[in-house]
Amino acid sequence: MSLHVETHGRGEPLLLIHGWGMHGGVWDNLVPRLAERFQVLVVDLPGHGRSPTGGDGSLDNIVSTFTAEFPEALNVCGWSLGGQIALRWAALYPAQIKQMVLVCSTPCFAERDDWLFGMEAATLQKFAAELEQNHTATLRRFLALQLRGSEQERELLAQLRARLFAHGEPDLAALRSGLEILRDADLRPLLPEILQPTLAIAGERDKLTSPVASYYLAQSMPNAQVVEIDGAAHAPFLSHSDIFIEHMTNFLHERI
């Protein structure tokens, strides 16, 4: 399976991986500025946007697709579910990832007895049930949760809703699989083995992924650090793009 990838600029390769239910167009505001310093690769996840659905939709299958699509070592920025893909990829194929930026990411999205910083199981189950009834309404509700509490919340929500299907509607099977990954994946045991330099960027007001998860990543990974952006929710690259780009580019250029 070949993923839909758009390439911008020249220089060190930087792959941008979006989150559940979206597509690579979510990065559009950042790409021109990042392309001044990097060769920016913007991908649509399998079954999202312009990428076809492939495989069983599991986390490891998605990672296998990425390893085939991007065999050369590169830098990776993953947002939310994209961050979990990046973590698993870095653990399984460490030679393929130079550095990572994990945006509002977590090693474990769902709450567990020994992990109190995730979404409640009942809430995830409700999302899964609503997805089968009306996937468009479910995606719109998920967008609202991502931006709740953020500065410029209304304006950003209008922007995201306008872009939601800009690359086409996501495949329902891919959406189901993505929710299953969010429900089941627990990458905490892998973190001490992930040696790539990593920057975790958290949103102070994030209602989906607690900033505590970003601090946990930084504490559990040997070469990781964290920054928290005041006033941002689950999409700091939209609400606080200037400071986001500053943190991201400074971190990446320190090691290039």
Protein backbone atom coordinates (compact mmCIF):
# COMPACT_ATOMS: atom_id res chain seq x y z
CA MET A 1 0.00 0.00 0.00
CA SER A 2 1.26 3.46 -0.88
CA LEU A 3 0.44 6.34 1.46
CA HIS A 4 -0.49 9.80 0.24
CA VAL A 5 2.53 12.00 1.00
CA GLU A 6 3.07 15.65 0.09
CA THR A 7 6.63 17.01 0.06
CA HIS A 8 7.58 20.64 0.69
CA GLY A 9 10.94 22.37 0.91
CA ARG A 10 14.48 21.00 1.09
CA GLY A 11 16.88 19.94 3.81
CA GLU A 12 16.62 17.49 6.70
CA PRO A 13 13.50 15.34 6.31
CA LEU A 14 10.70 16.02 8.81
CA LEU A 15 7.62 13.79 8.71
CA LEU A 16 4.35 15.15 10.15
CA ILE A 17 1.84 12.53 11.39
CA HIS A 18 -1.68 13.72 12.22
CA GLY A 19 -4.15 12.39 14.78
CA TRP A 20 -7.32 10.29 14.70
CA GLY A 21 -10.02 11.24 12.21
CA MET A 22 -8.01 14.02 10.55
CA HIS A 23 -5.54 14.17 7.64
CA GLY A 24 -2.27 15.84 6.74
CA GLY A 25 -4.04 19.09 5.90
CA VAL A 26 -4.27 19.86 9.60
CA TRP A 27 -0.64 21.05 9.35
CA ASP A 28 -1.26 23.45 6.45
CA ASN A 29 -0.63 26.63 8.45
CA LEU A 30 2.76 25.38 9.61
CA VAL A 31 4.11 23.76 6.45
CA PRO A 32 5.32 26.89 4.59
CA ARG A 33 7.32 28.04 7.62
CA LEU A 34 8.75 24.61 8.37
CA ALA A 35 9.64 24.14 4.70
CA GLU A 36 12.07 27.06 4.99
CA ARG A 37 14.27 24.83 7.16
CA PHE A 38 13.29 21.21 6.43
CA GLN A 39 12.08 18.90 3.73
CA VAL A 40 8.59 18.54 5.15
CA LEU A 41 6.76 15.29 4.46
CA VAL A 42 3.02 15.46 5.18
CA VAL A 43 1.29 12.10 5.28
CA ASP A 44 -2.33 10.95 5.45
CA LEU A 45 -2.71 7.91 7.72
CA PRO A 46 -4.09 4.71 6.14
CA GLY A 47 -7.79 5.14 5.47
CA HIS A 48 -7.61 8.87 6.20
CA GLY A 49 -7.64 11.67 3.67
CA ARG A 50 -6.17 10.52 0.37
CA SER A 51 -4.43 7.37 1.65
CA PRO A 52 -6.10 4.02 0.96
CA THR A 53 -7.07 1.66 3.71
CA GLY A 54 -4.63 -1.21 4.10
CA GLY A 55 -3.95 -4.14 6.39
CA ASP A 56 -5.80 -4.78 9.61
CA GLY A 57 -5.52 -1.25 10.97
CA SER A 58 -3.51 -2.31 14.00
CA LEU A 59 -0.75 -0.13 15.40
CA ASP A 60 1.98 -2.53 14.28
CA ASN A 61 0.49 -2.78 10.79
CA ILE A 62 0.47 1.02 10.48
CA VAL A 63 4.09 1.11 11.63
CA SER A 64 5.00 -1.54 9.03
CA THR A 65 3.39 0.62 6.36
CA PHE A 66 5.46 3.60 7.50
CA THR A 67 8.71 1.64 7.50
CA ALA A 68 8.09 0.63 3.91
CA GLU A 69 7.07 4.14 2.83
CA PHE A 70 9.94 5.91 4.61
CA PRO A 71 12.96 3.56 4.66
CA GLU A 72 15.55 6.32 5.18
CA ALA A 73 16.17 7.82 8.62
CA LEU A 74 14.18 10.98 9.31
CA ASN A 75 12.82 13.26 12.02
CA VAL A 76 9.22 12.68 13.06
CA CYS A 77 6.56 14.92 14.58
CA GLY A 78 3.47 13.04 15.75
CA TRP A 79 0.30 14.58 17.12
CA SER A 80 -1.94 12.60 19.50
CA LEU A 81 -2.46 9.19 17.80
CA GLY A 82 0.40 10.18 15.50
CA GLY A 83 2.61 10.36 18.58
CA GLN A 84 1.75 6.80 19.54
CA ILE A 85 2.62 5.66 16.03
CA ALA A 86 5.96 7.48 16.30
CA LEU A 87 6.72 5.89 19.69
CA ARG A 88 5.99 2.38 18.46
CA TRP A 89 7.98 2.98 15.29
CA ALA A 90 10.96 4.28 17.26
CA ALA A 91 10.86 1.23 19.52
CA LEU A 92 10.59 -1.34 16.73
CA TYR A 93 12.84 0.30 14.12
CA PRO A 94 15.14 2.70 15.98
CA ALA A 95 17.49 3.25 13.04
CA GLN A 96 14.70 4.84 11.00
CA ILE A 97 13.97 7.73 13.38
CA LYS A 98 16.55 10.36 14.24
CA GLN A 99 14.54 12.60 16.56
CA MET A 100 10.92 12.92 17.64
CA VAL A 101 8.55 15.70 18.57
CA LEU A 102 5.48 14.30 20.34
CA VAL A 103 2.57 16.75 20.40
CA CYS A 104 -0.10 16.25 23.07
CA SER A 105 0.79 12.56 23.05
CA THR A 106 0.58 9.84 25.62
CA PRO A 107 1.90 6.30 25.98
CA CYS A 108 -1.57 5.21 27.13
CA PHE A 109 -4.66 7.09 25.93
CA ALA A 110 -7.22 5.12 27.96
CA GLU A 111 -7.52 5.21 31.73
CA ARG A 112 -6.39 2.13 33.65
CA ASP A 113 -6.16 1.12 37.28
CA ASP A 114 -2.49 2.13 37.32
CA TRP A 115 -2.88 5.05 34.88
CA LEU A 116 -5.28 7.80 35.89
CA PHE A 117 -4.33 10.30 33.18
CA GLY A 118 -6.31 8.79 30.30
CA MET A 119 -9.83 8.95 28.92
CA GLU A 120 -12.44 6.92 30.79
CA ALA A 121 -13.34 3.62 29.15
CA ALA A 122 -17.03 4.53 29.11
CA THR A 123 -16.29 7.70 27.14
CA LEU A 124 -14.28 5.78 24.55
CA GLN A 125 -17.05 3.18 24.27
CA LYS A 126 -19.56 5.96 23.70
CA PHE A 127 -17.41 7.38 20.91
CA ALA A 128 -17.23 3.93 19.30
CA ALA A 129 -21.01 3.47 19.48
CA GLU A 130 -21.71 6.95 18.13
CA LEU A 131 -19.22 6.38 15.31
CA GLU A 132 -21.42 3.57 13.97
CA GLN A 133 -24.52 5.78 14.06
CA ASN A 134 -23.12 9.00 12.60
CA HIS A 135 -19.40 9.22 11.97
CA THR A 136 -19.54 12.85 10.82
CA ALA A 137 -21.19 14.05 14.02
CA THR A 138 -18.76 11.95 16.09
CA LEU A 139 -15.74 13.49 14.37
CA ARG A 140 -17.14 16.98 14.87
CA ARG A 141 -17.64 16.27 18.56
CA PHE A 142 -14.09 14.97 18.83
CA LEU A 143 -12.80 18.18 17.25
CA ALA A 144 -14.67 20.20 19.84
CA LEU A 145 -13.08 18.19 22.66
CA GLN A 146 -9.62 18.77 21.21
CA LEU A 147 -10.02 22.54 21.36
CA ARG A 148 -12.09 22.90 24.52
CA GLY A 149 -10.55 25.52 26.79
CA SER A 150 -8.03 26.71 24.23
CA GLU A 151 -7.43 30.35 23.53
CA GLN A 152 -9.26 31.25 20.27
CA GLU A 153 -11.43 28.15 20.74
CA ARG A 154 -14.31 29.21 18.47
CA GLU A 155 -12.13 30.40 15.62
CA LEU A 156 -9.97 27.30 15.70
CA LEU A 157 -12.97 24.97 15.84
CA ALA A 158 -14.43 26.67 12.78
CA GLN A 159 -11.10 26.21 10.96
CA LEU A 160 -10.83 22.52 11.83
CA ARG A 161 -14.44 21.77 10.92
CA ALA A 162 -13.92 23.47 7.57
CA ARG A 163 -10.84 21.27 6.93
CA LEU A 164 -12.32 18.03 8.27
CA PHE A 165 -13.06 16.45 4.89
CA ALA A 166 -10.72 18.58 2.76
CA HIS A 167 -8.83 15.42 1.72
CA GLY A 168 -11.96 13.30 1.51
CA GLU A 169 -13.89 11.41 4.17
CA PRO A 170 -11.97 8.88 6.30
CA ASP A 171 -12.78 5.22 5.93
CA LEU A 172 -15.08 3.93 8.68
CA ALA A 173 -12.96 0.81 9.21
CA ALA A 174 -9.87 2.99 9.71
CA LEU A 175 -11.74 5.12 12.23
CA ARG A 176 -12.80 2.00 14.13
CA SER A 177 -9.22 0.70 14.14
CA GLY A 178 -7.90 4.04 15.34
CA LEU A 179 -10.27 4.05 18.30
CA GLU A 180 -9.18 0.49 19.10
CA ILE A 181 -5.56 1.63 19.17
CA LEU A 182 -6.45 4.50 21.50
CA ARG A 183 -8.38 2.08 23.71
CA ASP A 184 -5.84 -0.76 23.82
CA ALA A 185 -2.33 0.58 23.29
CA ASP A 186 -0.14 0.86 26.38
CA LEU A 187 3.40 1.78 25.38
CA ARG A 188 4.70 2.53 28.87
CA PRO A 189 6.91 -0.60 29.07
CA LEU A 190 8.74 0.45 25.89
CA LEU A 191 9.67 3.98 26.95
CA PRO A 192 13.00 3.24 28.73
CA GLU A 193 14.22 1.53 25.53
CA ILE A 194 13.44 4.47 23.21
CA LEU A 195 16.73 6.35 22.96
CA GLN A 196 16.00 8.92 20.26
CA PRO A 197 16.18 12.57 21.38
CA THR A 198 12.56 13.53 21.99
CA LEU A 199 10.65 16.71 22.71
CA ALA A 200 7.19 16.31 24.24
CA ILE A 201 5.00 19.39 23.71
CA ALA A 202 1.97 19.63 25.99
CA GLY A 203 -1.02 21.95 26.01
CA GLU A 204 -1.72 23.39 29.44
CA ARG A 205 -5.52 23.17 28.91
CA ASP A 206 -5.60 19.84 27.06
CA LYS A 207 -8.80 17.95 27.97
CA LEU A 208 -8.01 14.83 25.93
CA THR A 209 -4.40 14.14 26.85
CA SER A 210 -3.35 15.43 30.23
CA PRO A 211 -0.07 17.37 30.28
CA VAL A 212 0.94 14.87 32.97
CA ALA A 213 1.33 12.31 30.18
CA SER A 214 3.94 14.48 28.46
CA TYR A 215 5.88 14.84 31.70
CA TYR A 216 5.66 11.08 32.16
CA LEU A 217 7.16 10.60 28.69
CA ALA A 218 10.01 12.96 29.53
CA GLN A 219 10.73 11.19 32.80
CA SER A 220 10.53 7.68 31.36
CA MET A 221 12.56 8.11 28.17
CA PRO A 222 16.35 8.46 28.49
CA ASN A 223 16.73 11.42 26.10
CA ALA A 224 13.43 13.26 26.36
CA GLN A 225 12.37 16.69 27.55
CA VAL A 226 9.04 18.49 27.86
CA VAL A 227 7.64 21.95 27.25
CA GLU A 228 4.13 23.04 28.21
CA ILE A 229 2.41 25.80 26.23
CA ASP A 230 0.22 28.06 28.35
CA GLY A 231 -3.29 28.64 27.06
CA ALA A 232 -3.15 25.75 24.59
CA ALA A 233 -5.43 22.73 24.51
CA HIS A 234 -4.96 19.61 22.36
CA ALA A 235 -3.75 21.43 19.23
CA PRO A 236 -1.02 23.90 20.25
CA PHE A 237 0.37 23.97 16.71
CA LEU A 238 -2.88 25.70 15.68
CA SER A 239 -3.57 27.94 18.66
CA HIS A 240 0.04 28.94 19.42
CA SER A 241 1.83 28.30 16.14
CA ASP A 242 4.66 30.81 16.69
CA ILE A 243 5.84 29.42 20.01
CA PHE A 244 5.19 25.87 18.81
CA ILE A 245 7.46 26.31 15.78
CA GLU A 246 10.08 28.01 17.92
CA HIS A 247 10.23 25.10 20.39
CA MET A 248 10.17 22.51 17.63
CA THR A 249 12.80 24.01 15.34
CA ASN A 250 15.15 24.94 18.18
CA PHE A 251 15.02 21.39 19.47
CA LEU A 252 15.58 19.77 16.08
CA HIS A 253 18.36 22.12 15.00
CA GLU A 254 20.31 21.54 18.21
CA ARG A 255 21.06 18.02 16.99
CA ILE A 256 21.24 18.39 13.21
